[in-house]
Protein backbone atom coordinates (compact mmCIF):
# COMPACT_ATOMS: atom_id res chain seq x y z
CA MET A 1 90.99 -74.60 -69.25
CA ARG A 2 89.36 -76.86 -66.63
CA LEU A 3 87.05 -74.02 -65.49
CA THR A 4 86.07 -73.30 -69.08
CA LEU A 5 85.33 -76.98 -69.65
CA LEU A 6 83.29 -77.17 -66.42
CA ALA A 7 81.28 -74.11 -67.36
CA THR A 8 80.65 -75.54 -70.84
CA LEU A 9 79.49 -78.86 -69.40
CA CYS A 10 77.16 -77.12 -66.92
CA PHE A 11 75.63 -75.06 -69.71
CA THR A 12 75.38 -77.99 -72.11
CA LEU A 13 73.82 -80.32 -69.54
CA GLY A 14 71.51 -77.67 -68.12
CA LEU A 15 73.10 -77.90 -64.65
CA PRO A 16 73.25 -74.84 -62.36
CA ASP A 17 76.79 -73.47 -62.18
CA LEU A 18 76.46 -72.85 -58.42
CA ALA A 19 80.11 -72.80 -57.48
CA LEU A 20 81.00 -70.28 -60.17
CA ALA A 21 77.98 -68.03 -59.53
CA ALA A 22 78.21 -67.80 -55.76
CA ASP A 23 80.29 -65.18 -53.97
CA LEU A 24 81.78 -66.93 -50.93
CA ALA A 25 83.13 -63.70 -49.45
CA ALA A 26 79.68 -62.10 -49.62
CA GLY A 27 78.19 -65.26 -48.14
CA LYS A 28 80.66 -65.15 -45.25
CA ALA A 29 79.86 -61.48 -44.61
CA LYS A 30 76.13 -62.22 -44.37
CA VAL A 31 76.75 -65.25 -42.16
CA ASP A 32 79.02 -63.26 -39.83
CA MET A 33 76.39 -60.51 -39.54
CA VAL A 34 73.28 -62.61 -38.87
CA CYS A 35 73.37 -66.38 -39.44
CA ALA A 36 76.26 -66.96 -37.05
CA ALA A 37 74.04 -65.90 -34.14
CA CYS A 38 72.37 -69.32 -34.29
CA HIS A 39 74.18 -71.47 -36.85
CA GLY A 40 77.74 -70.39 -36.00
CA ALA A 41 80.28 -68.55 -38.15
CA ASN A 42 81.40 -71.85 -39.74
CA GLY A 43 78.04 -73.61 -39.79
CA VAL A 44 78.46 -75.26 -36.39
CA SER A 45 75.38 -74.24 -34.39
CA VAL A 46 75.31 -72.72 -30.93
CA SER A 47 72.94 -75.27 -29.39
CA ASP A 48 71.61 -78.81 -29.69
CA THR A 49 68.22 -77.53 -30.89
CA ILE A 50 69.63 -75.68 -33.93
CA PRO A 51 70.91 -77.63 -36.96
CA ASN A 52 74.50 -77.53 -38.16
CA LEU A 53 74.78 -76.26 -41.74
CA ALA A 54 78.48 -76.89 -42.34
CA GLY A 55 79.09 -79.28 -45.22
CA GLN A 56 75.45 -79.53 -46.28
CA LYS A 57 74.75 -79.72 -50.02
CA THR A 58 74.53 -76.31 -51.68
CA VAL A 59 71.35 -77.10 -53.59
CA TYR A 60 69.70 -78.46 -50.45
CA LEU A 61 70.51 -75.31 -48.49
CA GLU A 62 69.31 -73.08 -51.32
CA ASN A 63 66.04 -74.99 -51.60
CA GLN A 64 65.40 -74.78 -47.86
CA LEU A 65 66.13 -71.04 -47.74
CA LYS A 66 63.87 -70.43 -50.74
CA ALA A 67 61.07 -72.44 -49.11
CA LEU A 68 61.51 -70.51 -45.85
CA LYS A 69 61.52 -67.24 -47.78
CA ASP A 70 58.29 -67.93 -49.68
CA GLY A 71 56.62 -69.51 -46.65
CA SER A 72 56.09 -72.98 -48.10
CA ARG A 73 58.24 -74.26 -45.23
CA LYS A 74 57.02 -72.97 -41.87
CA ASN A 75 59.37 -71.81 -39.13
CA ALA A 76 58.59 -68.56 -37.34
CA ILE A 77 62.21 -67.60 -36.78
CA MET A 78 63.62 -68.61 -40.15
CA ASN A 79 60.66 -67.28 -42.15
CA ALA A 80 61.44 -63.85 -40.71
CA ILE A 81 65.14 -64.09 -41.57
CA ALA A 82 64.96 -65.80 -44.98
CA GLY A 83 62.26 -63.35 -46.04
CA GLN A 84 64.90 -60.61 -45.96
CA LEU A 85 67.42 -62.48 -48.11
CA SER A 86 67.82 -61.71 -51.81
CA THR A 87 68.31 -64.44 -54.42
CA ASP A 88 72.03 -63.66 -54.44
CA ASP A 89 72.16 -63.75 -50.63
CA ILE A 90 70.65 -67.23 -50.65
CA SER A 91 73.13 -68.52 -53.23
CA ASN A 92 76.09 -66.97 -51.45
CA VAL A 93 75.13 -68.15 -47.95
CA ALA A 94 74.33 -71.67 -49.17
CA ALA A 95 77.66 -71.92 -51.01
CA PHE A 96 79.59 -70.63 -48.00
CA PHE A 97 78.06 -73.12 -45.56
CA ALA A 98 78.49 -75.96 -48.07
CA ALA A 99 82.20 -75.15 -48.32
CA GLN A 100 82.75 -75.58 -44.57
CA SER A 101 83.94 -78.78 -42.94
CA GLY A 102 81.26 -80.88 -41.27
CA ALA A 103 80.92 -80.58 -37.50
CA THR A 104 81.83 -83.24 -34.96
CA PRO A 105 78.83 -84.56 -32.96
CA THR A 106 79.58 -82.57 -29.80
CA ALA A 107 80.87 -79.35 -31.37
CA LYS A 108 79.15 -76.04 -30.60
CA SER A 109 79.83 -72.41 -31.50
CA ALA A 110 79.85 -69.60 -28.98
CA LEU A 111 77.00 -67.08 -28.93
CA LEU A 112 77.75 -63.79 -30.68
CA PRO A 113 78.61 -61.29 -27.93
CA ASN A 114 76.64 -58.38 -29.41
CA LEU A 115 73.49 -60.52 -29.62
CA ALA A 116 73.87 -62.62 -26.50
CA LYS A 117 74.26 -59.49 -24.37
CA SER A 118 71.05 -57.86 -23.17
CA ASN A 119 70.95 -54.40 -21.64
CA MET A 120 68.05 -55.44 -19.43
CA ALA A 121 68.04 -56.05 -15.70
CA PHE A 122 65.26 -57.54 -13.59
CA PRO A 123 62.99 -54.62 -12.59
CA ALA A 124 63.40 -54.02 -8.87
CA ASP A 125 59.79 -52.92 -8.44
CA PHE A 126 58.11 -55.86 -10.20
CA PRO A 127 55.21 -56.60 -9.86
CA LYS A 128 54.42 -53.35 -8.01
CA GLY A 129 52.93 -50.84 -10.44
CA TYR A 130 52.60 -53.40 -13.24
CA THR A 131 49.28 -54.31 -14.87
CA LYS A 132 48.45 -57.98 -15.35
CA TYR A 133 46.72 -58.07 -18.71
CA HIS A 134 46.77 -61.60 -20.15
CA THR A 135 47.04 -65.32 -19.33
CA ILE A 136 47.90 -68.21 -21.66
CA ASN A 137 47.81 -71.98 -21.15
CA PHE A 138 50.67 -73.96 -22.73
CA PRO A 139 49.40 -77.55 -23.02
CA ALA A 140 52.59 -78.96 -24.58
CA THR A 141 54.70 -77.91 -21.59
CA LYS A 142 51.90 -78.02 -18.97
CA GLN A 143 52.52 -74.39 -18.10
CA VAL A 144 50.44 -71.30 -17.50
CA ARG A 145 51.91 -67.85 -18.14
CA TYR A 146 50.88 -64.46 -16.76
CA TYR A 147 51.65 -61.29 -18.72
CA TYR A 148 52.38 -57.89 -17.13
CA ALA A 149 53.08 -54.40 -18.48
CA ASN A 150 54.61 -51.38 -16.77
CA PRO A 151 52.94 -47.93 -16.79
CA VAL A 152 54.82 -46.78 -19.92
CA ALA A 153 53.53 -49.70 -21.97
CA VAL A 154 50.04 -49.39 -20.50
CA ALA A 155 49.82 -45.67 -21.37
CA ALA A 156 50.96 -46.28 -24.96
CA ALA A 157 48.44 -49.06 -25.49
CA LYS A 158 45.64 -46.99 -23.97
CA GLU A 159 46.42 -44.08 -26.28
CA GLY A 160 46.74 -46.33 -29.32
CA ARG A 161 50.36 -45.41 -30.09
CA GLU A 162 53.58 -47.40 -30.49
CA VAL A 163 54.92 -48.89 -27.29
CA GLY A 164 58.14 -46.92 -26.97
CA ASN A 165 61.23 -46.43 -24.86
CA GLY A 166 60.82 -47.05 -21.16
CA ALA A 167 58.38 -49.91 -21.73
CA TYR A 168 58.90 -53.12 -19.76
CA LEU A 169 56.90 -56.33 -20.28
CA MET A 170 57.23 -59.27 -17.90
CA VAL A 171 55.96 -62.86 -18.07
CA GLU A 172 55.73 -65.22 -15.10
CA VAL A 173 56.01 -68.85 -16.20
CA TYR A 174 54.42 -71.41 -13.86
CA ALA A 175 54.14 -75.17 -13.95
CA ALA A 176 50.47 -76.11 -13.88
CA LYS A 177 49.01 -78.10 -11.01
CA LEU A 178 48.43 -81.68 -12.15
CA ASP A 179 45.73 -84.17 -11.25
CA ALA A 180 46.24 -87.87 -10.49
CA ASP A 181 46.53 -88.56 -14.23
CA LYS A 182 49.27 -85.93 -14.64
CA LYS A 183 46.94 -83.62 -16.54
CA PRO A 184 46.76 -79.85 -15.83
CA ILE A 185 43.97 -78.83 -13.47
CA MET A 186 41.68 -76.27 -15.06
CA GLY A 187 40.47 -73.38 -12.94
CA ALA A 188 37.01 -71.81 -13.05
CA ASP A 189 38.40 -69.04 -15.27
CA GLY A 190 39.42 -71.48 -17.99
CA TYR A 191 43.15 -71.31 -17.20
CA TYR A 192 45.42 -73.87 -15.60
CA GLU A 193 45.88 -73.53 -11.87
CA ALA A 194 49.41 -72.35 -11.18
CA ASP A 195 51.77 -74.44 -9.09
CA LYS A 196 55.50 -73.69 -9.00
CA LEU A 197 57.09 -70.58 -10.52
CA LEU A 198 59.66 -71.79 -13.08
CA PHE A 199 61.22 -68.64 -14.54
CA TYR A 200 60.48 -65.22 -16.01
CA THR A 201 60.78 -63.87 -19.55
CA ALA A 202 60.91 -60.19 -20.40
CA MET A 203 61.24 -57.59 -23.14
CA ALA A 204 62.06 -53.92 -22.68
CA ARG A 205 63.37 -50.96 -24.64
CA GLU A 206 65.44 -47.84 -24.07
CA ALA A 207 67.24 -45.44 -26.41
CA GLY A 208 70.35 -46.99 -27.96
CA TRP A 209 69.61 -50.57 -26.98
CA GLY A 210 69.32 -51.69 -30.60
CA GLN A 211 72.38 -49.95 -31.99
CA ASP A 212 74.65 -53.03 -31.93
CA ILE A 213 72.05 -55.35 -33.44
CA PRO A 214 72.18 -55.93 -37.24
CA ASP A 215 69.20 -54.57 -39.18
CA MET A 216 68.04 -58.05 -40.20
CA LEU A 217 67.43 -58.84 -36.52
CA ARG A 218 66.90 -55.44 -34.92
CA ASN A 219 63.52 -54.83 -33.23
CA ALA A 220 63.80 -51.02 -32.96
CA GLU A 221 65.29 -50.59 -29.44
CA TRP A 222 63.84 -53.77 -27.87
CA ASN A 223 66.00 -56.20 -25.91
CA TYR A 224 64.96 -59.58 -24.49
CA SER A 225 65.93 -61.64 -21.48
CA ALA A 226 64.94 -64.52 -19.22
CA TYR A 227 65.41 -64.77 -15.47
CA THR A 228 65.56 -67.47 -12.82
CA VAL A 229 63.19 -67.51 -9.85
CA ALA A 230 66.04 -65.79 -7.99
CA LYS A 231 65.67 -62.92 -10.52
CA GLN A 232 69.08 -63.53 -12.08
CA ALA A 233 69.68 -63.67 -15.84
CA ARG A 234 69.40 -67.24 -17.14
CA ALA A 235 72.64 -68.53 -18.66
CA GLY A 236 72.75 -69.59 -22.31
CA VAL A 237 69.77 -67.55 -23.51
CA ASN A 238 70.31 -66.57 -27.16
CA GLN A 239 68.68 -63.17 -27.61
CA ALA A 240 69.03 -63.59 -31.40
CA GLU A 241 66.23 -66.16 -31.40
CA CYS A 242 63.89 -63.72 -29.63
CA LEU A 243 64.81 -60.93 -32.03
CA ALA A 244 64.17 -63.12 -35.06
CA CYS A 245 60.86 -64.39 -33.70
CA HIS A 246 59.55 -60.86 -32.98
CA LYS A 247 61.01 -59.32 -36.16
CA PRO A 248 57.82 -59.62 -38.28
CA LEU A 249 55.80 -57.73 -35.63
CA ASP A 250 57.10 -54.26 -36.49
CA GLN A 251 53.54 -52.99 -37.03
CA SER A 252 52.48 -54.07 -33.54
CA SER A 253 55.35 -52.73 -31.42
CA TYR A 254 57.11 -56.10 -31.86
CA MET A 255 54.63 -57.59 -29.37
CA PHE A 256 52.64 -60.80 -29.76
CA THR A 257 50.14 -59.60 -27.15
CA ILE A 258 49.56 -55.96 -28.12
CA LYS A 259 45.87 -56.62 -28.88
CA GLU A 260 45.35 -58.21 -25.47
CA LEU A 261 47.16 -55.36 -23.71
CA THR A 262 45.14 -52.73 -25.57
CA ALA A 263 41.84 -54.48 -24.85
CA ALA A 264 42.68 -54.91 -21.17
CA VAL A 265 43.69 -51.30 -20.50
CA LYS A 266 40.83 -49.82 -22.49
CA ALA A 267 38.34 -51.96 -20.60
CA LYS A 268 39.32 -50.33 -17.29
């Protein structure tokens, strides 16, 4: 009787019957598969830089997901994920997160094991045999980054085909040298002069490396990692964020720098 009355009121007043329309079990299934990698299985995020969604208003969450899906709200990672959600997915996920209890200020969820784990290891031969093909200045962080590709990636780019299994791409991340005003010193080549090596980032692929990654995040067989200057895996790196960020690049071997690599190897 109360449900019938509620439904009648919603219809009469023109209000969306969100609670009745949403499928919480379907929302939970989608969250467990993908969303939990960053926002946690119960809407409590895995890091301080990712928002908690537990207890947020359903309509608010729906509106944000719709805006991320159509691109009117810009976020490289969430645009890629929301773009794959159906209208029903959005309603179900929003309703599920809204039904969860709000998080305490210091609460965090654990990273999902199948997404936190990377099959990669620091290449023992780096940088021997690798081709340095690109450099980028990062003004916001006062860094300069050097990009390298192994022979497998170089051969694929040179032949104009997909960069496939066996490819390994490395990035050296340096702090820029600073002048007396704490501004990066620009070299004659237009790039910041490198000072201290801070860490490495990397992406690589081999057969089977993507099999445990859900389709909404999977980048073929690519895995991602970051390493300390001691060449050890950095703790707390959430591979899911890398996968989501590279997801839209399926037509360019999931690489942001495929054009630069191709140009560099063909110029030799």
